[in-house]
Amino acid sequence: MFFDLNDKQSLTAKVYTHIRDDIIEGRYKTGDYLVETKLAEELDVSRTPIREALKQLELEDLVVSIPNRGMMVQGMSSHDIDDIFTVRHLLEGQAAYWAAERIDAANLARLTEIVELMEMYTRKNDAANLARLDTEFHDVIFSASDSRILRHILTSLHQNTRRVRRTSLTVPERPTQSLAEHRAIFEAIEHHRPEDAKMRMESHIINAHGRRFDTN
């Protein structure tokens, strides 16, 4: 069995998460077709959870249904990416502001740990782990903002952000710059400076947006 039977997550949810992560991490490329029978065989499940997972991925615009062909992995245009960063700039600054006001001990401890791990993986030039920690850093801030609505919007948006984050972190000097930006955001939140946290987050997103063009 491909999946852990002791995991209480539903089989469809497990299949969805697995395929979604494969798309986001680039194991499936734009234009690849996802064939139900092949996926069912690879994951050792029936076609029903595969079909349900693909429907969910279609709702999230990660795949698109092509008549008489099946589900195709959908890419993101430059316009799509620009839109993502614009919305992030508008909303994540507010998330950081609220996090600086509202963060609890558990989220602060996790942010501290993430920044320390970022320092280690920056020294190792490990883009994969840096991308993972980058996502988690922002997720913790969404949680610390204590806004259910904002967290829902930004968590969904970050599924697509993950698709460009790893590429950005392969740009020379970007990991070091990104670490400095994350540490500045963390310190503003740690010391409960909302305006500073908001400004640092907005600056970080502007820099990340600009750096993606360096990968082209």
N, C-alpha and C. Protein backbone atom coordinates (compact mmCIF):
# COMPACT_ATOMS: atom_id res chain seq x y z
N MET A 1 0.85 -1.20 0.00
CA MET A 1 0.00 0.00 0.00
C MET A 1 0.88 1.24 0.00
N PHE A 2 0.61 2.19 -0.90
CA PHE A 2 1.43 3.39 -1.04
C PHE A 2 1.28 4.31 0.17
N PHE A 3 0.05 4.42 0.72
CA PHE A 3 -0.22 5.35 1.81
C PHE A 3 -0.24 4.65 3.16
N ASP A 4 0.04 5.41 4.21
CA ASP A 4 0.05 4.89 5.57
C ASP A 4 -1.39 4.67 6.04
N LEU A 5 -1.73 3.44 6.35
CA LEU A 5 -3.08 3.12 6.78
C LEU A 5 -3.41 3.70 8.15
N ASN A 6 -2.39 4.03 8.93
CA ASN A 6 -2.62 4.59 10.26
C ASN A 6 -2.93 6.09 10.22
N ASP A 7 -2.70 6.69 9.06
CA ASP A 7 -3.01 8.11 8.89
C ASP A 7 -4.52 8.27 8.78
N LYS A 8 -5.11 9.13 9.61
CA LYS A 8 -6.56 9.27 9.66
C LYS A 8 -7.11 10.14 8.53
N GLN A 9 -6.24 10.77 7.77
CA GLN A 9 -6.70 11.58 6.64
C GLN A 9 -7.39 10.67 5.62
N SER A 10 -8.45 11.16 4.98
CA SER A 10 -9.18 10.34 4.01
C SER A 10 -8.28 9.98 2.83
N LEU A 11 -8.61 8.88 2.17
CA LEU A 11 -7.81 8.43 1.04
C LEU A 11 -7.81 9.47 -0.07
N THR A 12 -8.96 10.06 -0.36
CA THR A 12 -9.03 11.09 -1.40
C THR A 12 -8.13 12.27 -1.04
N ALA A 13 -8.14 12.67 0.23
CA ALA A 13 -7.29 13.79 0.67
C ALA A 13 -5.82 13.46 0.51
N LYS A 14 -5.45 12.21 0.82
CA LYS A 14 -4.06 11.79 0.67
C LYS A 14 -3.63 11.83 -0.80
N VAL A 15 -4.51 11.31 -1.66
CA VAL A 15 -4.22 11.30 -3.09
C VAL A 15 -4.10 12.73 -3.61
N TYR A 16 -5.05 13.57 -3.21
CA TYR A 16 -5.03 14.98 -3.62
C TYR A 16 -3.72 15.65 -3.21
N THR A 17 -3.33 15.48 -1.94
CA THR A 17 -2.11 16.11 -1.44
C THR A 17 -0.89 15.61 -2.19
N HIS A 18 -0.85 14.32 -2.46
CA HIS A 18 0.30 13.74 -3.16
C HIS A 18 0.43 14.31 -4.58
N ILE A 19 -0.67 14.31 -5.32
CA ILE A 19 -0.62 14.81 -6.70
C ILE A 19 -0.35 16.31 -6.72
N ARG A 20 -1.01 17.04 -5.82
CA ARG A 20 -0.79 18.50 -5.73
C ARG A 20 0.68 18.81 -5.49
N ASP A 21 1.29 18.11 -4.54
CA ASP A 21 2.69 18.38 -4.23
C ASP A 21 3.60 18.01 -5.41
N ASP A 22 3.25 16.95 -6.13
CA ASP A 22 4.04 16.58 -7.31
C ASP A 22 3.97 17.66 -8.38
N ILE A 23 2.81 18.30 -8.51
CA ILE A 23 2.66 19.40 -9.47
C ILE A 23 3.47 20.61 -9.00
N ILE A 24 3.29 20.97 -7.74
CA ILE A 24 3.95 22.16 -7.20
C ILE A 24 5.47 22.02 -7.22
N GLU A 25 5.95 20.81 -6.91
CA GLU A 25 7.40 20.59 -6.86
C GLU A 25 8.00 20.35 -8.24
N GLY A 26 7.16 20.32 -9.27
CA GLY A 26 7.68 20.22 -10.63
C GLY A 26 7.89 18.82 -11.15
N ARG A 27 7.43 17.81 -10.39
CA ARG A 27 7.58 16.44 -10.89
C ARG A 27 6.64 16.18 -12.07
N TYR A 28 5.52 16.89 -12.07
CA TYR A 28 4.67 16.93 -13.26
C TYR A 28 4.85 18.31 -13.88
N LYS A 29 5.10 18.35 -15.16
CA LYS A 29 5.38 19.61 -15.86
C LYS A 29 4.11 20.15 -16.52
N THR A 30 4.14 21.44 -16.81
CA THR A 30 3.05 22.05 -17.56
C THR A 30 2.86 21.31 -18.88
N GLY A 31 1.61 20.91 -19.15
CA GLY A 31 1.31 20.19 -20.38
C GLY A 31 1.27 18.68 -20.21
N ASP A 32 1.76 18.17 -19.07
CA ASP A 32 1.67 16.73 -18.80
C ASP A 32 0.21 16.35 -18.58
N TYR A 33 -0.16 15.16 -19.07
CA TYR A 33 -1.50 14.65 -18.83
C TYR A 33 -1.47 13.68 -17.65
N LEU A 34 -2.46 13.81 -16.78
CA LEU A 34 -2.59 12.94 -15.61
C LEU A 34 -3.64 11.88 -15.93
N VAL A 35 -3.18 10.67 -16.12
CA VAL A 35 -4.05 9.57 -16.55
C VAL A 35 -4.53 8.81 -15.32
N GLU A 36 -5.84 8.71 -15.16
CA GLU A 36 -6.42 8.09 -13.97
C GLU A 36 -5.90 6.68 -13.74
N THR A 37 -5.90 5.86 -14.79
CA THR A 37 -5.50 4.46 -14.62
C THR A 37 -4.03 4.35 -14.19
N LYS A 38 -3.19 5.18 -14.78
CA LYS A 38 -1.76 5.15 -14.44
C LYS A 38 -1.54 5.61 -13.00
N LEU A 39 -2.23 6.69 -12.60
CA LEU A 39 -2.09 7.19 -11.24
C LEU A 39 -2.61 6.17 -10.22
N ALA A 40 -3.74 5.53 -10.56
CA ALA A 40 -4.30 4.52 -9.66
C ALA A 40 -3.33 3.37 -9.45
N GLU A 41 -2.66 2.98 -10.52
CA GLU A 41 -1.68 1.89 -10.42
C GLU A 41 -0.47 2.33 -9.60
N GLU A 42 0.03 3.53 -9.86
CA GLU A 42 1.21 4.03 -9.15
C GLU A 42 0.96 4.18 -7.66
N LEU A 43 -0.25 4.65 -7.31
CA LEU A 43 -0.56 4.93 -5.90
C LEU A 43 -1.27 3.77 -5.22
N ASP A 44 -1.54 2.71 -5.98
CA ASP A 44 -2.17 1.51 -5.43
C ASP A 44 -3.53 1.82 -4.80
N VAL A 45 -4.34 2.56 -5.56
CA VAL A 45 -5.70 2.89 -5.12
C VAL A 45 -6.65 2.69 -6.30
N SER A 46 -7.95 2.74 -6.02
CA SER A 46 -8.92 2.66 -7.10
C SER A 46 -8.97 4.00 -7.85
N ARG A 47 -9.72 4.04 -8.94
CA ARG A 47 -9.79 5.27 -9.72
C ARG A 47 -10.68 6.32 -9.05
N THR A 48 -11.54 5.90 -8.12
CA THR A 48 -12.47 6.86 -7.50
C THR A 48 -11.76 7.99 -6.75
N PRO A 49 -10.83 7.70 -5.82
CA PRO A 49 -10.14 8.81 -5.15
C PRO A 49 -9.27 9.63 -6.10
N ILE A 50 -8.75 8.99 -7.16
CA ILE A 50 -7.98 9.72 -8.17
C ILE A 50 -8.88 10.74 -8.85
N ARG A 51 -10.06 10.29 -9.25
CA ARG A 51 -11.01 11.16 -9.95
C ARG A 51 -11.43 12.33 -9.06
N GLU A 52 -11.72 12.05 -7.79
CA GLU A 52 -12.13 13.11 -6.87
C GLU A 52 -10.99 14.10 -6.61
N ALA A 53 -9.77 13.59 -6.50
CA ALA A 53 -8.61 14.46 -6.28
C ALA A 53 -8.39 15.37 -7.48
N LEU A 54 -8.53 14.83 -8.68
CA LEU A 54 -8.34 15.63 -9.89
C LEU A 54 -9.40 16.72 -10.01
N LYS A 55 -10.62 16.42 -9.57
CA LYS A 55 -11.68 17.44 -9.58
C LYS A 55 -11.30 18.60 -8.67
N GLN A 56 -10.75 18.28 -7.49
CA GLN A 56 -10.33 19.32 -6.56
C GLN A 56 -9.18 20.14 -7.13
N LEU A 57 -8.25 19.48 -7.78
CA LEU A 57 -7.12 20.18 -8.39
C LEU A 57 -7.58 21.08 -9.53
N GLU A 58 -8.63 20.66 -10.22
CA GLU A 58 -9.18 21.49 -11.29
C GLU A 58 -9.81 22.76 -10.70
N LEU A 59 -10.49 22.63 -9.56
CA LEU A 59 -11.08 23.80 -8.91
C LEU A 59 -10.00 24.79 -8.49
N GLU A 60 -8.80 24.30 -8.22
CA GLU A 60 -7.70 25.16 -7.80
C GLU A 60 -6.85 25.62 -8.98
N ASP A 61 -7.29 25.30 -10.20
CA ASP A 61 -6.60 25.72 -11.42
C ASP A 61 -5.21 25.13 -11.57
N LEU A 62 -4.96 24.01 -10.91
CA LEU A 62 -3.68 23.34 -11.09
C LEU A 62 -3.71 22.40 -12.29
N VAL A 63 -4.91 21.93 -12.64
CA VAL A 63 -5.09 21.12 -13.84
C VAL A 63 -6.30 21.65 -14.60
N VAL A 64 -6.37 21.32 -15.87
CA VAL A 64 -7.50 21.74 -16.69
C VAL A 64 -7.97 20.53 -17.49
N SER A 65 -9.29 20.39 -17.63
CA SER A 65 -9.86 19.28 -18.37
C SER A 65 -9.84 19.58 -19.87
N ILE A 66 -9.23 18.69 -20.64
CA ILE A 66 -9.16 18.83 -22.09
C ILE A 66 -10.09 17.78 -22.70
N PRO A 67 -11.11 18.19 -23.45
CA PRO A 67 -12.06 17.23 -24.02
C PRO A 67 -11.36 16.11 -24.79
N ASN A 68 -11.77 14.89 -24.50
CA ASN A 68 -11.26 13.68 -25.16
C ASN A 68 -9.78 13.39 -24.86
N ARG A 69 -9.19 14.15 -23.93
CA ARG A 69 -7.79 13.92 -23.60
C ARG A 69 -7.59 13.63 -22.12
N GLY A 70 -8.36 14.29 -21.27
CA GLY A 70 -8.20 14.10 -19.83
C GLY A 70 -7.72 15.37 -19.14
N MET A 71 -7.12 15.19 -17.97
CA MET A 71 -6.65 16.32 -17.17
C MET A 71 -5.20 16.66 -17.50
N MET A 72 -4.96 17.93 -17.79
CA MET A 72 -3.62 18.39 -18.13
C MET A 72 -3.13 19.37 -17.07
N VAL A 73 -1.85 19.24 -16.70
CA VAL A 73 -1.26 20.17 -15.74
C VAL A 73 -1.22 21.56 -16.37
N GLN A 74 -1.71 22.52 -15.62
CA GLN A 74 -1.83 23.88 -16.14
C GLN A 74 -0.69 24.75 -15.61
N GLY A 75 -0.06 25.46 -16.49
CA GLY A 75 1.02 26.35 -16.08
C GLY A 75 0.49 27.69 -15.63
N MET A 76 1.41 28.55 -15.21
CA MET A 76 1.05 29.90 -14.82
C MET A 76 1.75 30.89 -15.75
N SER A 77 0.99 31.84 -16.25
CA SER A 77 1.56 32.87 -17.11
C SER A 77 2.26 33.92 -16.26
N SER A 78 3.04 34.78 -16.91
CA SER A 78 3.67 35.89 -16.20
C SER A 78 2.61 36.79 -15.57
N HIS A 79 1.49 36.93 -16.26
CA HIS A 79 0.39 37.74 -15.71
C HIS A 79 -0.15 37.12 -14.43
N ASP A 80 -0.31 35.78 -14.43
CA ASP A 80 -0.79 35.09 -13.23
C ASP A 80 0.16 35.33 -12.05
N ILE A 81 1.45 35.21 -12.32
CA ILE A 81 2.44 35.37 -11.25
C ILE A 81 2.45 36.81 -10.74
N ASP A 82 2.35 37.77 -11.66
CA ASP A 82 2.28 39.17 -11.24
C ASP A 82 1.07 39.40 -10.33
N ASP A 83 -0.06 38.81 -10.70
CA ASP A 83 -1.27 38.95 -9.88
C ASP A 83 -1.06 38.37 -8.49
N ILE A 84 -0.42 37.20 -8.43
CA ILE A 84 -0.17 36.56 -7.13
C ILE A 84 0.65 37.47 -6.23
N PHE A 85 1.72 38.03 -6.76
CA PHE A 85 2.57 38.88 -5.93
C PHE A 85 1.88 40.19 -5.55
N THR A 86 1.04 40.70 -6.43
CA THR A 86 0.29 41.92 -6.10
C THR A 86 -0.66 41.67 -4.94
N VAL A 87 -1.38 40.55 -5.00
CA VAL A 87 -2.32 40.22 -3.92
C VAL A 87 -1.56 39.92 -2.63
N ARG A 88 -0.43 39.21 -2.75
CA ARG A 88 0.38 38.95 -1.56
C ARG A 88 0.85 40.25 -0.91
N HIS A 89 1.28 41.19 -1.73
CA HIS A 89 1.75 42.47 -1.20
C HIS A 89 0.64 43.18 -0.43
N LEU A 90 -0.57 43.10 -0.96
CA LEU A 90 -1.70 43.77 -0.32
C LEU A 90 -2.11 43.11 1.00
N LEU A 91 -2.03 41.78 1.05
CA LEU A 91 -2.58 41.06 2.20
C LEU A 91 -1.55 40.60 3.23
N GLU A 92 -0.36 40.22 2.78
CA GLU A 92 0.60 39.65 3.73
C GLU A 92 1.20 40.71 4.65
N GLY A 93 1.25 41.95 4.19
CA GLY A 93 1.68 43.01 5.08
C GLY A 93 0.73 43.13 6.27
N GLN A 94 -0.57 43.01 5.99
CA GLN A 94 -1.56 43.07 7.07
C GLN A 94 -1.44 41.86 7.98
N ALA A 95 -1.16 40.69 7.40
CA ALA A 95 -0.98 39.49 8.22
C ALA A 95 0.20 39.67 9.18
N ALA A 96 1.30 40.24 8.68
CA ALA A 96 2.47 40.47 9.54
C ALA A 96 2.15 41.50 10.62
N TYR A 97 1.38 42.52 10.25
CA TYR A 97 0.98 43.55 11.22
C TYR A 97 0.21 42.92 12.38
N TRP A 98 -0.80 42.11 12.03
CA TRP A 98 -1.60 41.46 13.07
C TRP A 98 -0.79 40.44 13.85
N ALA A 99 0.12 39.74 13.16
CA ALA A 99 0.96 38.76 13.86
C ALA A 99 1.81 39.45 14.93
N ALA A 100 2.33 40.63 14.61
CA ALA A 100 3.15 41.37 15.58
C ALA A 100 2.32 41.78 16.80
N GLU A 101 1.05 41.98 16.60
CA GLU A 101 0.16 42.35 17.71
C GLU A 101 -0.31 41.13 18.50
N ARG A 102 -0.52 40.00 17.79
CA ARG A 102 -1.30 38.91 18.38
C ARG A 102 -0.54 37.60 18.57
N ILE A 103 0.69 37.50 18.14
CA ILE A 103 1.38 36.21 18.15
C ILE A 103 1.44 35.61 19.55
N ASP A 104 1.22 34.29 19.62
CA ASP A 104 1.30 33.60 20.91
C ASP A 104 2.66 32.91 21.04
N ALA A 105 2.89 32.32 22.20
CA ALA A 105 4.19 31.74 22.50
C ALA A 105 4.53 30.58 21.57
N ALA A 106 3.54 29.76 21.23
CA ALA A 106 3.80 28.59 20.38
C ALA A 106 4.23 29.01 18.98
N ASN A 107 3.52 29.97 18.39
CA ASN A 107 3.88 30.42 17.05
C ASN A 107 5.22 31.16 17.05
N LEU A 108 5.49 31.91 18.11
CA LEU A 108 6.77 32.61 18.20
C LEU A 108 7.92 31.61 18.30
N ALA A 109 7.72 30.56 19.07
CA ALA A 109 8.76 29.53 19.20
C ALA A 109 9.01 28.85 17.87
N ARG A 110 7.94 28.58 17.12
CA ARG A 110 8.10 27.93 15.82
C ARG A 110 8.80 28.85 14.83
N LEU A 111 8.47 30.14 14.83
CA LEU A 111 9.16 31.09 13.95
C LEU A 111 10.65 31.14 14.27
N THR A 112 10.96 31.14 15.56
CA THR A 112 12.37 31.16 15.99
C THR A 112 13.10 29.95 15.43
N GLU A 113 12.48 28.79 15.54
CA GLU A 113 13.08 27.55 15.05
C GLU A 113 13.27 27.58 13.54
N ILE A 114 12.26 28.10 12.83
CA ILE A 114 12.34 28.16 11.36
C ILE A 114 13.50 29.05 10.92
N VAL A 115 13.64 30.21 11.54
CA VAL A 115 14.73 31.12 11.16
C VAL A 115 16.09 30.47 11.42
N GLU A 116 16.21 29.76 12.53
CA GLU A 116 17.47 29.07 12.83
C GLU A 116 17.77 28.00 11.78
N LEU A 117 16.74 27.27 11.36
CA LEU A 117 16.93 26.25 10.32
C LEU A 117 17.25 26.90 8.97
N MET A 118 16.64 28.04 8.69
CA MET A 118 16.95 28.77 7.46
C MET A 118 18.43 29.15 7.41
N GLU A 119 18.96 29.57 8.54
CA GLU A 119 20.38 29.93 8.59
C GLU A 119 21.25 28.72 8.24
N MET A 120 20.91 27.56 8.78
CA MET A 120 21.68 26.35 8.51
C MET A 120 21.61 25.97 7.03
N TYR A 121 20.40 25.96 6.47
CA TYR A 121 20.25 25.53 5.08
C TYR A 121 20.75 26.57 4.09
N THR A 122 20.80 27.84 4.50
CA THR A 122 21.42 28.86 3.65
C THR A 122 22.91 28.60 3.53
N ARG A 123 23.54 28.25 4.65
CA ARG A 123 24.97 27.91 4.61
C ARG A 123 25.23 26.70 3.72
N LYS A 124 24.28 25.77 3.69
CA LYS A 124 24.42 24.56 2.88
C LYS A 124 23.96 24.77 1.43
N ASN A 125 23.38 25.94 1.16
CA ASN A 125 22.85 26.24 -0.17
C ASN A 125 21.83 25.19 -0.61
N ASP A 126 20.94 24.83 0.31
CA ASP A 126 19.94 23.78 0.09
C ASP A 126 18.61 24.44 -0.29
N ALA A 127 18.39 24.64 -1.59
CA ALA A 127 17.20 25.36 -2.06
C ALA A 127 15.91 24.64 -1.73
N ALA A 128 15.92 23.31 -1.77
CA ALA A 128 14.69 22.55 -1.51
C ALA A 128 14.20 22.76 -0.08
N ASN A 129 15.10 22.63 0.88
CA ASN A 129 14.69 22.83 2.27
C ASN A 129 14.39 24.30 2.58
N LEU A 130 15.10 25.21 1.93
CA LEU A 130 14.80 26.63 2.12
C LEU A 130 13.41 26.96 1.61
N ALA A 131 13.03 26.38 0.47
CA ALA A 131 11.69 26.62 -0.07
C ALA A 131 10.63 26.09 0.88
N ARG A 132 10.87 24.91 1.44
CA ARG A 132 9.92 24.32 2.40
C ARG A 132 9.78 25.20 3.63
N LEU A 133 10.90 25.67 4.17
CA LEU A 133 10.87 26.51 5.36
C LEU A 133 10.27 27.88 5.08
N ASP A 134 10.51 28.39 3.88
CA ASP A 134 9.92 29.67 3.48
C ASP A 134 8.40 29.58 3.53
N THR A 135 7.86 28.51 2.97
CA THR A 135 6.41 28.29 3.00
C THR A 135 5.91 28.21 4.44
N GLU A 136 6.62 27.46 5.27
CA GLU A 136 6.19 27.29 6.66
C GLU A 136 6.28 28.61 7.43
N PHE A 137 7.31 29.40 7.17
CA PHE A 137 7.46 30.70 7.83
C PHE A 137 6.22 31.56 7.60
N HIS A 138 5.80 31.64 6.35
CA HIS A 138 4.62 32.45 6.03
C HIS A 138 3.35 31.83 6.61
N ASP A 139 3.26 30.50 6.59
CA ASP A 139 2.08 29.84 7.15
C ASP A 139 1.94 30.14 8.65
N VAL A 140 3.06 30.16 9.37
CA VAL A 140 3.01 30.45 10.80
C VAL A 140 2.54 31.89 11.03
N ILE A 141 2.99 32.80 10.19
CA ILE A 141 2.55 34.20 10.31
C ILE A 141 1.05 34.31 10.05
N PHE A 142 0.56 33.56 9.06
CA PHE A 142 -0.89 33.57 8.80
C PHE A 142 -1.64 33.10 10.04
N SER A 143 -1.12 32.03 10.66
CA SER A 143 -1.75 31.51 11.87
C SER A 143 -1.68 32.53 13.00
N ALA A 144 -0.52 33.17 13.14
CA ALA A 144 -0.31 34.13 14.23
C ALA A 144 -1.15 35.39 14.06
N SER A 145 -1.57 35.68 12.83
CA SER A 145 -2.41 36.86 12.60
C SER A 145 -3.77 36.73 13.27
N ASP A 146 -4.14 35.48 13.56
CA ASP A 146 -5.40 35.18 14.25
C ASP A 146 -6.61 35.70 13.47
N SER A 147 -6.50 35.63 12.13
CA SER A 147 -7.61 36.01 11.26
C SER A 147 -7.96 34.81 10.39
N ARG A 148 -9.08 34.19 10.67
CA ARG A 148 -9.49 33.00 9.92
C ARG A 148 -9.65 33.31 8.44
N ILE A 149 -10.23 34.45 8.12
CA ILE A 149 -10.48 34.82 6.72
C ILE A 149 -9.16 35.05 5.98
N LEU A 150 -8.29 35.83 6.58
CA LEU A 150 -7.01 36.13 5.93
C LEU A 150 -6.18 34.86 5.77
N ARG A 151 -6.19 34.02 6.78
CA ARG A 151 -5.43 32.77 6.71
C ARG A 151 -5.94 31.89 5.58
N HIS A 152 -7.25 31.79 5.43
CA HIS A 152 -7.83 30.96 4.37
C HIS A 152 -7.41 31.47 2.99
N ILE A 153 -7.51 32.77 2.78
CA ILE A 153 -7.17 33.35 1.47
C ILE A 153 -5.70 33.14 1.16
N LEU A 154 -4.83 33.44 2.12
CA LEU A 154 -3.40 33.39 1.86
C LEU A 154 -2.87 31.96 1.78
N THR A 155 -3.45 31.05 2.54
CA THR A 155 -3.02 29.65 2.45
C THR A 155 -3.31 29.10 1.07
N SER A 156 -4.48 29.41 0.54
CA SER A 156 -4.83 28.98 -0.81
C SER A 156 -3.89 29.60 -1.85
N LEU A 157 -3.63 30.89 -1.69
CA LEU A 157 -2.75 31.59 -2.63
C LEU A 157 -1.34 31.02 -2.62
N HIS A 158 -0.88 30.60 -1.45
CA HIS A 158 0.49 30.11 -1.33
C HIS A 158 0.71 28.76 -1.99
N GLN A 159 -0.36 28.04 -2.31
CA GLN A 159 -0.17 26.80 -3.06
C GLN A 159 0.48 27.11 -4.41
N ASN A 160 0.06 28.22 -5.02
CA ASN A 160 0.66 28.61 -6.29
C ASN A 160 2.00 29.30 -6.10
N THR A 161 2.16 30.01 -4.99
CA THR A 161 3.45 30.66 -4.72
C THR A 161 4.56 29.63 -4.63
N ARG A 162 4.26 28.46 -4.08
CA ARG A 162 5.26 27.40 -3.96
C ARG A 162 5.83 26.99 -5.31
N ARG A 163 5.06 27.19 -6.38
CA ARG A 163 5.49 26.76 -7.70
C ARG A 163 6.63 27.62 -8.25
N VAL A 164 6.77 28.85 -7.72
CA VAL A 164 7.85 29.72 -8.21
C VAL A 164 8.93 29.94 -7.16
N ARG A 165 8.65 29.56 -5.90
CA ARG A 165 9.58 29.87 -4.81
C ARG A 165 10.92 29.15 -4.96
N ARG A 166 10.87 27.85 -5.27
CA ARG A 166 12.12 27.10 -5.33
C ARG A 166 13.03 27.64 -6.43
N THR A 167 12.45 28.02 -7.58
CA THR A 167 13.25 28.57 -8.67
C THR A 167 13.92 29.86 -8.24
N SER A 168 13.18 30.72 -7.54
CA SER A 168 13.73 31.99 -7.07
C SER A 168 14.94 31.76 -6.17
N LEU A 169 14.87 30.72 -5.33
CA LEU A 169 15.94 30.48 -4.36
C LEU A 169 17.19 29.85 -4.98
N THR A 170 17.14 29.55 -6.28
CA THR A 170 18.34 29.07 -6.97
C THR A 170 19.15 30.22 -7.56
N VAL A 171 18.60 31.44 -7.51
CA VAL A 171 19.33 32.61 -8.02
C VAL A 171 20.48 32.92 -7.07
N PRO A 172 21.70 33.10 -7.59
CA PRO A 172 22.84 33.42 -6.73
C PRO A 172 22.54 34.62 -5.83
N GLU A 173 22.92 34.52 -4.59
CA GLU A 173 22.76 35.56 -3.56
C GLU A 173 21.34 35.67 -3.01
N ARG A 174 20.33 35.12 -3.73
CA ARG A 174 18.97 35.28 -3.23
C ARG A 174 18.75 34.57 -1.89
N PRO A 175 19.28 33.35 -1.66
CA PRO A 175 19.06 32.73 -0.35
C PRO A 175 19.56 33.59 0.82
N THR A 176 20.73 34.20 0.65
CA THR A 176 21.28 35.05 1.71
C THR A 176 20.41 36.28 1.93
N GLN A 177 19.97 36.89 0.83
CA GLN A 177 19.10 38.07 0.93
C GLN A 177 17.76 37.70 1.55
N SER A 178 17.22 36.55 1.13
CA SER A 178 15.94 36.10 1.65
C SER A 178 16.03 35.84 3.15
N LEU A 179 17.13 35.24 3.59
CA LEU A 179 17.32 34.99 5.02
C LEU A 179 17.31 36.30 5.80
N ALA A 180 18.02 37.31 5.30
CA ALA A 180 18.06 38.60 5.99
C ALA A 180 16.66 39.22 6.07
N GLU A 181 15.89 39.07 5.00
CA GLU A 181 14.53 39.62 4.98
C GLU A 181 13.63 38.88 5.98
N HIS A 182 13.74 37.56 6.01
CA HIS A 182 12.92 36.79 6.94
C HIS A 182 13.31 37.10 8.39
N ARG A 183 14.60 37.25 8.64
CA ARG A 183 15.02 37.57 10.00
C ARG A 183 14.49 38.95 10.42
N ALA A 184 14.49 39.91 9.51
CA ALA A 184 13.97 41.25 9.83
C ALA A 184 12.47 41.21 10.14
N ILE A 185 11.74 40.41 9.37
CA ILE A 185 10.30 40.25 9.63
C ILE A 185 10.10 39.60 11.00
N PHE A 186 10.86 38.54 11.24
CA PHE A 186 10.76 37.82 12.51
C PHE A 186 11.04 38.74 13.70
N GLU A 187 12.10 39.53 13.62
CA GLU A 187 12.47 40.40 14.74
C GLU A 187 11.40 41.47 14.99
N ALA A 188 10.79 41.98 13.92
CA ALA A 188 9.72 42.96 14.10
C ALA A 188 8.51 42.33 14.79
N ILE A 189 8.20 41.09 14.41
CA ILE A 189 7.07 40.39 15.05
C ILE A 189 7.43 40.03 16.50
N GLU A 190 8.64 39.53 16.70
CA GLU A 190 9.08 39.12 18.04
C GLU A 190 9.00 40.28 19.03
N HIS A 191 9.34 41.49 18.56
CA HIS A 191 9.36 42.66 19.44
C HIS A 191 8.07 43.48 19.35
N HIS A 192 7.05 42.88 18.72
CA HIS A 192 5.72 43.49 18.66
C HIS A 192 5.74 44.89 18.07
N ARG A 193 6.34 44.98 16.86
CA ARG A 193 6.38 46.25 16.13
C ARG A 193 5.54 46.09 14.86
N PRO A 194 4.23 46.29 14.94
CA PRO A 194 3.34 46.01 13.81
C PRO A 194 3.68 46.77 12.52
N GLU A 195 3.91 48.06 12.62
CA GLU A 195 4.19 48.85 11.42
C GLU A 195 5.48 48.38 10.75
N ASP A 196 6.49 48.10 11.56
CA ASP A 196 7.76 47.61 11.03
C ASP A 196 7.58 46.24 10.38
N ALA A 197 6.82 45.37 11.03
CA ALA A 197 6.57 44.03 10.47
C ALA A 197 5.87 44.13 9.12
N LYS A 198 4.89 45.01 9.03
CA LYS A 198 4.15 45.21 7.78
C LYS A 198 5.09 45.71 6.68
N MET A 199 5.91 46.70 7.00
CA MET A 199 6.83 47.27 6.02
C MET A 199 7.85 46.22 5.57
N ARG A 200 8.39 45.45 6.52
CA ARG A 200 9.39 44.44 6.18
C ARG A 200 8.80 43.34 5.30
N MET A 201 7.57 42.95 5.59
CA MET A 201 6.93 41.92 4.78
C MET A 201 6.66 42.42 3.37
N GLU A 202 6.16 43.63 3.25
CA GLU A 202 5.88 44.18 1.92
C GLU A 202 7.16 44.31 1.11
N SER A 203 8.24 44.73 1.75
CA SER A 203 9.53 44.84 1.06
C SER A 203 10.02 43.47 0.61
N HIS A 204 9.85 42.46 1.45
CA HIS A 204 10.26 41.09 1.13
C HIS A 204 9.53 40.58 -0.11
N ILE A 205 8.24 40.84 -0.18
CA ILE A 205 7.45 40.35 -1.32
C ILE A 205 7.83 41.09 -2.60
N ILE A 206 8.09 42.38 -2.50
CA ILE A 206 8.54 43.14 -3.67
C ILE A 206 9.87 42.57 -4.18
N ASN A 207 10.78 42.28 -3.26
CA ASN A 207 12.08 41.72 -3.65
C ASN A 207 11.94 40.34 -4.27
N ALA A 208 11.08 39.50 -3.68
CA ALA A 208 10.87 38.16 -4.22
C ALA A 208 10.27 38.23 -5.62
N HIS A 209 9.36 39.16 -5.83
CA HIS A 209 8.75 39.33 -7.14
C HIS A 209 9.79 39.76 -8.16
N GLY A 210 10.61 40.72 -7.80
CA GLY A 210 11.64 41.19 -8.72
C GLY A 210 12.65 40.12 -9.04
N ARG A 211 13.01 39.31 -8.05
CA ARG A 211 14.03 38.28 -8.24
C ARG A 211 13.59 37.17 -9.16
N ARG A 212 12.28 36.95 -9.28
CA ARG A 212 11.85 35.85 -10.14
C ARG A 212 12.23 36.11 -11.59
N PHE A 213 12.32 37.40 -11.98
CA PHE A 213 12.69 37.71 -13.36
C PHE A 213 14.16 37.38 -13.63
N ASP A 214 14.98 37.31 -12.56
CA ASP A 214 16.38 36.97 -12.73
C ASP A 214 16.57 35.51 -13.12
N THR A 215 15.51 34.69 -12.97
CA THR A 215 15.63 33.27 -13.31
C THR A 215 15.30 33.02 -14.77
N ASN A 216 14.78 34.04 -15.48
CA ASN A 216 14.36 33.84 -16.87
C ASN A 216 15.54 33.92 -17.83
